[in-house]
Amino acid sequence: MQNKTFIILTIFFCLISFISCGKKSSLERYPGSDYPRNYPNND
């Protein structure tokens, strides 16, 4: 039971990382996109 939970958490973490990378790359294409404000702006 413990091992199954660990596998699910690992897969979930990988998905979060993958989605975050996708957001970061799309931000470079669309600088005006809604992303956390602490990200450097190109003013």
PDB file of N, CA and C in Angstrom:
ATOM      1  N   MET A   1       0.842  -1.206   0.000  1.00  0.00           N
ATOM      2  CA  MET A   1       0.000   0.000   0.000  1.00  0.00           C
ATOM      3  C   MET A   1       0.880   1.260   0.000  1.00  0.00           C
ATOM      4  N   GLN A   2       1.890   1.267   0.852  1.00  0.00           N
ATOM      5  CA  GLN A   2       2.793   2.415   0.933  1.00  0.00           C
ATOM      6  C   GLN A   2       3.518   2.629  -0.393  1.00  0.00           C
ATOM      7  N   ASN A   3       3.949   1.522  -1.021  1.00  0.00           N
ATOM      8  CA  ASN A   3       4.705   1.613  -2.266  1.00  0.00           C
ATOM      9  C   ASN A   3       3.843   2.195  -3.383  1.00  0.00           C
ATOM     10  N   LYS A   4       2.577   1.810  -3.443  1.00  0.00           N
ATOM     11  CA  LYS A   4       1.676   2.313  -4.482  1.00  0.00           C
ATOM     12  C   LYS A   4       1.485   3.823  -4.332  1.00  0.00           C
ATOM     13  N   THR A   5       1.337   4.295  -3.118  1.00  0.00           N
ATOM     14  CA  THR A   5       1.189   5.726  -2.867  1.00  0.00           C
ATOM     15  C   THR A   5       2.427   6.481  -3.318  1.00  0.00           C
ATOM     16  N   PHE A   6       3.597   5.913  -3.055  1.00  0.00           N
ATOM     17  CA  PHE A   6       4.859   6.554  -3.454  1.00  0.00           C
ATOM     18  C   PHE A   6       4.945   6.682  -4.964  1.00  0.00           C
ATOM     19  N   ILE A   7       4.541   5.641  -5.690  1.00  0.00           N
ATOM     20  CA  ILE A   7       4.576   5.668  -7.161  1.00  0.00           C
ATOM     21  C   ILE A   7       3.629   6.748  -7.683  1.00  0.00           C
ATOM     22  N   ILE A   8       2.437   6.830  -7.120  1.00  0.00           N
ATOM     23  CA  ILE A   8       1.461   7.837  -7.552  1.00  0.00           C
ATOM     24  C   ILE A   8       2.001   9.248  -7.304  1.00  0.00           C
ATOM     25  N   LEU A   9       2.616   9.461  -6.139  1.00  0.00           N
ATOM     26  CA  LEU A   9       3.186  10.775  -5.838  1.00  0.00           C
ATOM     27  C   LEU A   9       4.317  11.118  -6.794  1.00  0.00           C
ATOM     28  N   THR A  10       5.131  10.139  -7.139  1.00  0.00           N
ATOM     29  CA  THR A  10       6.242  10.368  -8.066  1.00  0.00           C
ATOM     30  C   THR A  10       5.718  10.761  -9.441  1.00  0.00           C
ATOM     31  N   ILE A  11       4.711  10.046  -9.937  1.00  0.00           N
ATOM     32  CA  ILE A  11       4.120  10.363 -11.242  1.00  0.00           C
ATOM     33  C   ILE A  11       3.492  11.759 -11.200  1.00  0.00           C
ATOM     34  N   PHE A  12       2.806  12.064 -10.106  1.00  0.00           N
ATOM     35  CA  PHE A  12       2.167  13.368  -9.949  1.00  0.00           C
ATOM     36  C   PHE A  12       3.208  14.480  -9.985  1.00  0.00           C
ATOM     37  N   PHE A  13       4.321  14.277  -9.288  1.00  0.00           N
ATOM     38  CA  PHE A  13       5.396  15.276  -9.259  1.00  0.00           C
ATOM     39  C   PHE A  13       5.987  15.480 -10.649  1.00  0.00           C
ATOM     40  N   CYS A  14       6.162  14.393 -11.392  1.00  0.00           N
ATOM     41  CA  CYS A  14       6.690  14.493 -12.760  1.00  0.00           C
ATOM     42  C   CYS A  14       5.731  15.286 -13.643  1.00  0.00           C
ATOM     43  N   LEU A  15       4.434  15.053 -13.492  1.00  0.00           N
ATOM     44  CA  LEU A  15       3.443  15.787 -14.277  1.00  0.00           C
ATOM     45  C   LEU A  15       3.493  17.278 -13.951  1.00  0.00           C
ATOM     46  N   ILE A  16       3.593  17.617 -12.675  1.00  0.00           N
ATOM     47  CA  ILE A  16       3.671  19.021 -12.264  1.00  0.00           C
ATOM     48  C   ILE A  16       4.899  19.681 -12.874  1.00  0.00           C
ATOM     49  N   SER A  17       6.036  18.982 -12.829  1.00  0.00           N
ATOM     50  CA  SER A  17       7.274  19.524 -13.396  1.00  0.00           C
ATOM     51  C   SER A  17       7.125  19.744 -14.891  1.00  0.00           C
ATOM     52  N   PHE A  18       6.519  18.781 -15.579  1.00  0.00           N
ATOM     53  CA  PHE A  18       6.334  18.881 -17.027  1.00  0.00           C
ATOM     54  C   PHE A  18       5.429  20.060 -17.382  1.00  0.00           C
ATOM     55  N   ILE A  19       4.345  20.237 -16.626  1.00  0.00           N
ATOM     56  CA  ILE A  19       3.413  21.340 -16.871  1.00  0.00           C
ATOM     57  C   ILE A  19       4.099  22.682 -16.599  1.00  0.00           C
ATOM     58  N   SER A  20       4.916  22.742 -15.546  1.00  0.00           N
ATOM     59  CA  SER A  20       5.634  23.975 -15.226  1.00  0.00           C
ATOM     60  C   SER A  20       6.593  24.349 -16.344  1.00  0.00           C
ATOM     61  N   CYS A  21       7.292  23.360 -16.890  1.00  0.00           N
ATOM     62  CA  CYS A  21       8.213  23.619 -18.002  1.00  0.00           C
ATOM     63  C   CYS A  21       7.436  24.141 -19.203  1.00  0.00           C
ATOM     64  N   GLY A  22       6.267  23.578 -19.463  1.00  0.00           N
ATOM     65  CA  GLY A  22       5.439  24.021 -20.579  1.00  0.00           C
ATOM     66  C   GLY A  22       4.993  25.461 -20.405  1.00  0.00           C
ATOM     67  N   LYS A  23       4.624  25.837 -19.174  1.00  0.00           N
ATOM     68  CA  LYS A  23       4.215  27.217 -18.911  1.00  0.00           C
ATOM     69  C   LYS A  23       5.379  28.166 -19.133  1.00  0.00           C
ATOM     70  N   LYS A  24       6.576  27.770 -18.696  1.00  0.00           N
ATOM     71  CA  LYS A  24       7.742  28.640 -18.819  1.00  0.00           C
ATOM     72  C   LYS A  24       8.074  28.890 -20.284  1.00  0.00           C
ATOM     73  N   SER A  25       7.990  27.853 -21.120  1.00  0.00           N
ATOM     74  CA  SER A  25       8.311  28.011 -22.542  1.00  0.00           C
ATOM     75  C   SER A  25       7.226  28.826 -23.252  1.00  0.00           C
ATOM     76  N   SER A  26       5.961  28.657 -22.858  1.00  0.00           N
ATOM     77  CA  SER A  26       4.887  29.430 -23.483  1.00  0.00           C
ATOM     78  C   SER A  26       4.974  30.894 -23.061  1.00  0.00           C
ATOM     79  N   LEU A  27       5.521  31.152 -21.869  1.00  0.00           N
ATOM     80  CA  LEU A  27       5.697  32.531 -21.416  1.00  0.00           C
ATOM     81  C   LEU A  27       6.671  33.266 -22.328  1.00  0.00           C
ATOM     82  N   GLU A  28       7.717  32.574 -22.784  1.00  0.00           N
ATOM     83  CA  GLU A  28       8.689  33.191 -23.682  1.00  0.00           C
ATOM     84  C   GLU A  28       8.033  33.566 -25.008  1.00  0.00           C
ATOM     85  N   ARG A  29       7.060  32.775 -25.446  1.00  0.00           N
ATOM     86  CA  ARG A  29       6.354  33.087 -26.691  1.00  0.00           C
ATOM     87  C   ARG A  29       5.333  34.202 -26.480  1.00  0.00           C
ATOM     88  N   TYR A  30       4.663  34.186 -25.326  1.00  0.00           N
ATOM     89  CA  TYR A  30       3.618  35.174 -25.040  1.00  0.00           C
ATOM     90  C   TYR A  30       3.960  35.922 -23.755  1.00  0.00           C
ATOM     91  N   PRO A  31       4.746  36.998 -23.832  1.00  0.00           N
ATOM     92  CA  PRO A  31       5.195  37.702 -22.622  1.00  0.00           C
ATOM     93  C   PRO A  31       4.050  38.266 -21.786  1.00  0.00           C
ATOM     94  N   GLY A  32       2.892  38.497 -22.386  1.00  0.00           N
ATOM     95  CA  GLY A  32       1.776  39.081 -21.651  1.00  0.00           C
ATOM     96  C   GLY A  32       0.885  38.047 -20.981  1.00  0.00           C
ATOM     97  N   SER A  33       1.280  36.777 -21.009  1.00  0.00           N
ATOM     98  CA  SER A  33       0.437  35.731 -20.444  1.00  0.00           C
ATOM     99  C   SER A  33       0.361  35.840 -18.925  1.00  0.00           C
ATOM    100  N   ASP A  34      -0.694  35.278 -18.352  1.00  0.00           N
ATOM    101  CA  ASP A  34      -0.897  35.342 -16.911  1.00  0.00           C
ATOM    102  C   ASP A  34       0.035  34.353 -16.216  1.00  0.00           C
ATOM    103  N   TYR A  35       1.091  34.863 -15.612  1.00  0.00           N
ATOM    104  CA  TYR A  35       2.100  34.041 -14.938  1.00  0.00           C
ATOM    105  C   TYR A  35       2.483  34.772 -13.649  1.00  0.00           C
ATOM    106  N   PRO A  36       3.016  34.071 -12.661  1.00  0.00           N
ATOM    107  CA  PRO A  36       3.404  34.760 -11.409  1.00  0.00           C
ATOM    108  C   PRO A  36       4.183  36.050 -11.654  1.00  0.00           C
ATOM    109  N   ARG A  37       3.843  37.090 -10.936  1.00  0.00           N
ATOM    110  CA  ARG A  37       4.369  38.430 -11.188  1.00  0.00           C
ATOM    111  C   ARG A  37       5.862  38.556 -10.886  1.00  0.00           C
ATOM    112  N   ASN A  38       6.427  37.630 -10.097  1.00  0.00           N
ATOM    113  CA  ASN A  38       7.845  37.748  -9.755  1.00  0.00           C
ATOM    114  C   ASN A  38       8.748  37.297 -10.899  1.00  0.00           C
ATOM    115  N   TYR A  39       8.165  36.841 -11.993  1.00  0.00           N
ATOM    116  CA  TYR A  39       8.967  36.462 -13.154  1.00  0.00           C
ATOM    117  C   TYR A  39       9.470  37.730 -13.839  1.00  0.00           C
ATOM    118  N   PRO A  40      10.768  37.774 -14.229  1.00  0.00           N
ATOM    119  CA  PRO A  40      11.337  39.008 -14.807  1.00  0.00           C
ATOM    120  C   PRO A  40      10.579  39.496 -16.034  1.00  0.00           C
ATOM    121  N   ASN A  41      10.297  40.782 -16.084  1.00  0.00           N
ATOM    122  CA  ASN A  41       9.612  41.380 -17.236  1.00  0.00           C
ATOM    123  C   ASN A  41      10.619  41.982 -18.206  1.00  0.00           C
ATOM    124  N   ASN A  42      10.261  42.008 -19.483  1.00  0.00           N
ATOM    125  CA  ASN A  42      11.141  42.590 -20.497  1.00  0.00           C
ATOM    126  C   ASN A  42      10.687  44.011 -20.824  1.00  0.00           C
ATOM    127  N   ASP A  43      10.740  44.888 -19.839  1.00  0.00           N
ATOM    128  CA  ASP A  43      10.300  46.277 -20.058  1.00  0.00           C
ATOM    129  C   ASP A  43      11.419  47.085 -20.673  1.00  0.00           C
TER     130      ASP A  43
END
